[in-house]
């Protein structure tokens, strides 16, 4: 999973924050310096993305600017995230095409 905390069209690239995450068992004991975070369940708008790192920003923009305003939903306070599912192969060669789901937490208007 990946959680971006900044909009790269507004925030300078060297100031953008991104959490690279993995799912762990409930009883997982983290090493010092490792942060554990629970992502709450609930309703999410999800769209599948396939493309390159240069394309993913447009996909997020399309989700927020095209679909969301006419959906009857609004974002809530939970974080948006990218959900990556490994196929067991080399999933993303540098600069190559990759796949993930873009997940936006929503609530009714």
N, C-alpha and C. Protein backbone atom coordinates (compact mmCIF):
# COMPACT_ATOMS: atom_id res chain seq x y z
N UNK A 1 0.85 -1.17 0.00
CA UNK A 1 0.00 0.00 0.00
C UNK A 1 0.89 1.22 0.00
N UNK A 2 0.36 2.31 -0.52
CA UNK A 2 1.07 3.57 -0.49
C UNK A 2 0.11 4.69 -0.13
N UNK A 3 0.56 5.57 0.76
CA UNK A 3 -0.25 6.71 1.18
C UNK A 3 0.54 7.98 0.91
N UNK A 4 0.03 8.81 0.02
CA UNK A 4 0.65 10.09 -0.28
C UNK A 4 0.01 11.15 0.59
N UNK A 5 0.83 11.97 1.22
CA UNK A 5 0.32 13.00 2.12
C UNK A 5 0.29 14.38 1.48
N UNK A 6 0.79 14.50 0.26
CA UNK A 6 0.89 15.80 -0.39
C UNK A 6 0.47 15.70 -1.85
N UNK A 7 0.03 16.82 -2.40
CA UNK A 7 -0.32 16.91 -3.81
C UNK A 7 0.91 17.39 -4.57
N UNK A 8 1.51 16.55 -5.42
CA UNK A 8 2.74 16.95 -6.10
C UNK A 8 2.55 18.10 -7.09
N UNK A 9 1.30 18.45 -7.41
CA UNK A 9 1.09 19.62 -8.28
C UNK A 9 1.15 20.91 -7.47
N UNK A 10 1.15 20.80 -6.13
CA UNK A 10 1.21 21.96 -5.24
C UNK A 10 2.50 21.97 -4.43
N UNK A 11 2.89 20.80 -3.93
CA UNK A 11 4.06 20.67 -3.05
C UNK A 11 5.30 20.37 -3.87
N UNK A 12 6.41 21.06 -3.62
CA UNK A 12 7.66 20.75 -4.33
C UNK A 12 8.04 19.28 -4.13
N UNK A 13 8.57 18.64 -5.17
CA UNK A 13 8.89 17.20 -5.08
C UNK A 13 9.73 16.82 -3.87
N UNK A 14 10.68 17.65 -3.49
CA UNK A 14 11.54 17.30 -2.36
C UNK A 14 10.84 17.43 -1.02
N UNK A 15 9.63 17.98 -1.02
CA UNK A 15 8.84 18.12 0.22
C UNK A 15 7.68 17.14 0.29
N UNK A 16 7.43 16.39 -0.79
CA UNK A 16 6.32 15.43 -0.81
C UNK A 16 6.62 14.27 0.14
N UNK A 17 5.59 13.88 0.89
CA UNK A 17 5.70 12.77 1.84
C UNK A 17 4.86 11.60 1.33
N UNK A 18 5.41 10.39 1.45
CA UNK A 18 4.75 9.18 0.98
C UNK A 18 5.08 8.05 1.93
N UNK A 19 4.08 7.36 2.42
CA UNK A 19 4.29 6.20 3.28
C UNK A 19 4.17 4.93 2.44
N UNK A 20 5.24 4.16 2.38
CA UNK A 20 5.22 2.85 1.75
C UNK A 20 4.84 1.86 2.85
N UNK A 21 3.78 1.10 2.64
CA UNK A 21 3.20 0.29 3.71
C UNK A 21 3.10 -1.18 3.30
N UNK A 22 3.10 -2.04 4.29
CA UNK A 22 2.82 -3.46 4.09
C UNK A 22 1.78 -3.89 5.12
N UNK A 23 1.00 -4.88 4.77
CA UNK A 23 0.00 -5.42 5.69
C UNK A 23 0.70 -6.46 6.58
N UNK A 24 0.46 -6.35 7.88
CA UNK A 24 1.09 -7.27 8.84
C UNK A 24 0.00 -7.90 9.71
N UNK A 25 0.32 -9.03 10.35
CA UNK A 25 -0.66 -9.66 11.26
C UNK A 25 -0.97 -8.76 12.45
N UNK A 26 -2.14 -8.96 13.05
CA UNK A 26 -2.55 -8.15 14.21
C UNK A 26 -1.56 -8.20 15.35
N UNK A 27 -0.89 -9.31 15.56
CA UNK A 27 0.04 -9.45 16.67
C UNK A 27 1.47 -9.06 16.31
N UNK A 28 1.67 -8.40 15.19
CA UNK A 28 3.01 -8.01 14.73
C UNK A 28 3.66 -7.05 15.72
N UNK A 29 4.90 -7.32 16.07
CA UNK A 29 5.69 -6.45 16.96
C UNK A 29 6.68 -5.68 16.10
N UNK A 30 6.51 -4.37 16.04
CA UNK A 30 7.38 -3.53 15.20
C UNK A 30 8.71 -3.25 15.88
N UNK A 31 9.75 -3.18 15.09
CA UNK A 31 11.07 -2.78 15.56
C UNK A 31 11.04 -1.29 15.90
N UNK A 32 11.94 -0.82 16.74
CA UNK A 32 12.02 0.63 16.99
C UNK A 32 12.22 1.39 15.68
N UNK A 33 11.53 2.50 15.54
CA UNK A 33 11.62 3.29 14.32
C UNK A 33 10.61 2.91 13.24
N UNK A 34 9.88 1.82 13.45
CA UNK A 34 8.84 1.39 12.51
C UNK A 34 7.49 1.80 13.09
N UNK A 35 6.68 2.45 12.29
CA UNK A 35 5.37 2.92 12.74
C UNK A 35 4.28 1.97 12.26
N UNK A 36 3.41 1.60 13.18
CA UNK A 36 2.24 0.79 12.83
C UNK A 36 1.03 1.72 12.76
N UNK A 37 0.23 1.55 11.73
CA UNK A 37 -0.97 2.35 11.54
C UNK A 37 -2.12 1.44 11.13
N UNK A 38 -3.28 1.67 11.69
CA UNK A 38 -4.48 0.94 11.27
C UNK A 38 -5.24 1.81 10.28
N UNK A 39 -5.59 1.23 9.15
CA UNK A 39 -6.47 1.92 8.20
C UNK A 39 -7.88 1.44 8.48
N UNK A 40 -8.77 2.36 8.86
CA UNK A 40 -10.13 1.95 9.19
C UNK A 40 -10.89 1.46 7.97
N UNK A 41 -11.80 0.55 8.22
CA UNK A 41 -12.66 0.04 7.15
C UNK A 41 -13.74 1.05 6.81
N UNK A 42 -14.64 0.65 5.98
CA UNK A 42 -15.73 1.51 5.56
C UNK A 42 -15.87 1.52 4.05
N UNK A 43 -16.63 2.47 3.55
CA UNK A 43 -16.89 2.56 2.11
C UNK A 43 -15.76 3.32 1.42
N UNK A 44 -15.26 2.76 0.33
CA UNK A 44 -14.22 3.39 -0.48
C UNK A 44 -14.65 3.39 -1.94
N UNK A 45 -14.36 4.46 -2.63
CA UNK A 45 -14.46 4.47 -4.09
C UNK A 45 -13.13 3.91 -4.58
N UNK A 46 -13.20 2.94 -5.49
CA UNK A 46 -12.00 2.27 -5.96
C UNK A 46 -12.01 2.24 -7.47
N UNK A 47 -10.88 2.59 -8.05
CA UNK A 47 -10.72 2.45 -9.50
C UNK A 47 -9.38 1.79 -9.76
N UNK A 48 -9.34 0.95 -10.78
CA UNK A 48 -8.11 0.26 -11.13
C UNK A 48 -7.25 1.16 -12.00
N UNK A 49 -5.96 1.17 -11.73
CA UNK A 49 -5.00 1.95 -12.52
C UNK A 49 -3.98 1.01 -13.12
N UNK A 50 -3.65 1.25 -14.39
CA UNK A 50 -2.54 0.57 -15.05
C UNK A 50 -1.83 1.61 -15.88
N UNK A 51 -0.55 1.81 -15.60
CA UNK A 51 0.22 2.81 -16.32
C UNK A 51 1.58 2.99 -15.69
N UNK A 52 2.18 4.15 -15.92
CA UNK A 52 3.50 4.45 -15.38
C UNK A 52 3.40 5.49 -14.28
N UNK A 53 4.52 5.75 -13.63
CA UNK A 53 4.52 6.77 -12.59
C UNK A 53 4.17 8.15 -13.13
N UNK A 54 4.36 8.37 -14.40
CA UNK A 54 3.99 9.66 -15.01
C UNK A 54 2.48 9.78 -15.23
N UNK A 55 1.77 8.64 -15.24
CA UNK A 55 0.33 8.62 -15.53
C UNK A 55 -0.55 8.63 -14.28
N UNK A 56 -0.01 8.24 -13.13
CA UNK A 56 -0.85 8.01 -11.97
C UNK A 56 -1.47 9.30 -11.42
N UNK A 57 -0.77 10.41 -11.53
CA UNK A 57 -1.33 11.69 -11.07
C UNK A 57 -2.60 12.05 -11.82
N UNK A 58 -2.61 11.83 -13.12
CA UNK A 58 -3.80 12.10 -13.92
C UNK A 58 -4.96 11.20 -13.49
N UNK A 59 -4.66 9.95 -13.17
CA UNK A 59 -5.71 9.03 -12.73
C UNK A 59 -6.33 9.50 -11.42
N UNK A 60 -5.50 9.96 -10.47
CA UNK A 60 -6.04 10.51 -9.22
C UNK A 60 -6.88 11.75 -9.51
N UNK A 61 -6.38 12.64 -10.37
CA UNK A 61 -7.14 13.85 -10.72
C UNK A 61 -8.48 13.50 -11.36
N UNK A 62 -8.50 12.54 -12.27
CA UNK A 62 -9.75 12.13 -12.91
C UNK A 62 -10.75 11.61 -11.88
N UNK A 63 -10.27 10.85 -10.92
CA UNK A 63 -11.14 10.30 -9.88
C UNK A 63 -11.77 11.44 -9.06
N UNK A 64 -10.96 12.41 -8.65
CA UNK A 64 -11.47 13.51 -7.82
C UNK A 64 -12.23 14.57 -8.61
N UNK A 65 -11.82 14.85 -9.83
CA UNK A 65 -12.43 15.95 -10.59
C UNK A 65 -13.55 15.52 -11.51
N UNK A 66 -13.55 14.27 -11.93
CA UNK A 66 -14.59 13.82 -12.87
C UNK A 66 -15.64 12.94 -12.19
N UNK A 67 -15.20 11.88 -11.54
CA UNK A 67 -16.16 10.94 -10.96
C UNK A 67 -16.79 11.47 -9.68
N UNK A 68 -15.98 11.91 -8.74
CA UNK A 68 -16.48 12.25 -7.40
C UNK A 68 -17.57 13.32 -7.39
N UNK A 69 -17.45 14.42 -8.14
CA UNK A 69 -18.48 15.47 -8.06
C UNK A 69 -19.89 15.02 -8.46
N UNK A 70 -20.00 13.99 -9.27
CA UNK A 70 -21.32 13.54 -9.72
C UNK A 70 -21.74 12.22 -9.08
N UNK A 71 -20.96 11.75 -8.09
CA UNK A 71 -21.17 10.41 -7.54
C UNK A 71 -22.20 10.35 -6.41
N UNK A 72 -22.51 11.50 -5.78
CA UNK A 72 -23.37 11.47 -4.60
C UNK A 72 -22.57 11.22 -3.33
N UNK A 73 -21.25 11.18 -3.44
CA UNK A 73 -20.37 10.97 -2.30
C UNK A 73 -19.39 12.12 -2.16
N UNK A 74 -18.79 12.18 -0.98
CA UNK A 74 -17.72 13.13 -0.71
C UNK A 74 -16.63 12.38 0.05
N UNK A 75 -15.38 12.85 -0.03
CA UNK A 75 -14.32 12.19 0.74
C UNK A 75 -14.56 12.37 2.23
N UNK A 76 -14.16 11.40 3.03
CA UNK A 76 -14.21 11.59 4.47
C UNK A 76 -12.79 11.75 5.01
N UNK A 77 -12.60 11.62 6.32
CA UNK A 77 -11.32 11.95 6.95
C UNK A 77 -10.26 10.85 6.90
N UNK A 78 -10.62 9.66 6.43
CA UNK A 78 -9.64 8.58 6.33
C UNK A 78 -8.68 8.86 5.17
N UNK A 79 -7.47 8.30 5.20
CA UNK A 79 -6.53 8.58 4.12
C UNK A 79 -6.88 7.83 2.83
N UNK A 80 -6.59 8.48 1.70
CA UNK A 80 -6.63 7.81 0.41
C UNK A 80 -5.38 6.94 0.33
N UNK A 81 -5.45 5.88 -0.48
CA UNK A 81 -4.25 5.06 -0.63
C UNK A 81 -4.25 4.32 -1.96
N UNK A 82 -3.08 3.83 -2.31
CA UNK A 82 -2.89 2.97 -3.47
C UNK A 82 -2.69 1.56 -2.95
N UNK A 83 -3.42 0.62 -3.51
CA UNK A 83 -3.32 -0.78 -3.09
C UNK A 83 -2.64 -1.57 -4.20
N UNK A 84 -1.48 -2.09 -3.87
CA UNK A 84 -0.68 -2.87 -4.82
C UNK A 84 -0.81 -4.34 -4.44
N UNK A 85 -1.08 -5.19 -5.42
CA UNK A 85 -1.16 -6.62 -5.19
C UNK A 85 -0.08 -7.26 -6.05
N UNK A 86 0.85 -7.95 -5.41
CA UNK A 86 1.96 -8.56 -6.13
C UNK A 86 1.49 -9.79 -6.89
N UNK A 87 2.00 -9.91 -8.10
CA UNK A 87 1.68 -11.10 -8.90
C UNK A 87 2.76 -12.15 -8.74
N UNK A 88 3.79 -11.85 -7.97
CA UNK A 88 4.88 -12.79 -7.81
C UNK A 88 5.95 -12.63 -8.88
N UNK A 89 5.67 -11.83 -9.91
CA UNK A 89 6.64 -11.56 -10.96
C UNK A 89 7.27 -10.21 -10.65
N UNK A 90 8.18 -9.80 -11.51
CA UNK A 90 8.75 -8.46 -11.38
C UNK A 90 7.62 -7.50 -11.73
N UNK A 91 7.03 -6.86 -10.71
CA UNK A 91 5.81 -6.09 -10.89
C UNK A 91 6.00 -4.72 -11.50
N UNK A 92 7.13 -4.09 -11.28
CA UNK A 92 7.29 -2.74 -11.79
C UNK A 92 8.75 -2.46 -12.11
N UNK A 93 9.16 -2.75 -13.34
CA UNK A 93 10.52 -2.38 -13.70
C UNK A 93 10.66 -0.86 -13.67
N UNK A 94 11.83 -0.32 -13.36
CA UNK A 94 11.99 1.13 -13.29
C UNK A 94 11.46 1.82 -14.55
N UNK A 95 10.56 2.79 -14.33
CA UNK A 95 9.97 3.52 -15.45
C UNK A 95 8.94 2.72 -16.21
N UNK A 96 8.62 1.52 -15.75
CA UNK A 96 7.72 0.64 -16.47
C UNK A 96 6.27 0.77 -16.04
N UNK A 97 5.45 -0.07 -16.65
CA UNK A 97 4.02 -0.10 -16.37
C UNK A 97 3.76 -0.93 -15.11
N UNK A 98 2.88 -0.43 -14.25
CA UNK A 98 2.48 -1.15 -13.05
C UNK A 98 0.98 -1.01 -12.88
N UNK A 99 0.42 -1.78 -11.94
CA UNK A 99 -1.02 -1.75 -11.68
C UNK A 99 -1.25 -1.58 -10.18
N UNK A 100 -2.33 -0.89 -9.86
CA UNK A 100 -2.77 -0.78 -8.47
C UNK A 100 -4.22 -0.29 -8.47
N UNK A 101 -4.84 -0.32 -7.30
CA UNK A 101 -6.16 0.25 -7.13
C UNK A 101 -6.02 1.57 -6.39
N UNK A 102 -6.69 2.60 -6.87
CA UNK A 102 -6.73 3.90 -6.20
C UNK A 102 -7.95 3.90 -5.31
N UNK A 103 -7.77 4.13 -4.02
CA UNK A 103 -8.84 3.98 -3.03
C UNK A 103 -9.09 5.31 -2.32
N UNK A 104 -10.34 5.80 -2.42
CA UNK A 104 -10.73 7.05 -1.78
C UNK A 104 -11.84 6.74 -0.78
N UNK A 105 -11.63 7.05 0.50
CA UNK A 105 -12.69 6.84 1.48
C UNK A 105 -13.82 7.84 1.25
N UNK A 106 -15.06 7.37 1.22
CA UNK A 106 -16.19 8.25 0.89
C UNK A 106 -17.32 8.08 1.90
N UNK A 107 -18.16 9.12 1.94
CA UNK A 107 -19.41 9.10 2.71
C UNK A 107 -20.45 9.82 1.86
N UNK A 108 -21.73 9.56 2.08
CA UNK A 108 -22.77 10.22 1.29
C UNK A 108 -22.71 11.74 1.51
N UNK A 109 -23.16 12.46 0.48
CA UNK A 109 -23.26 13.93 0.59
C UNK A 109 -24.26 14.32 1.63
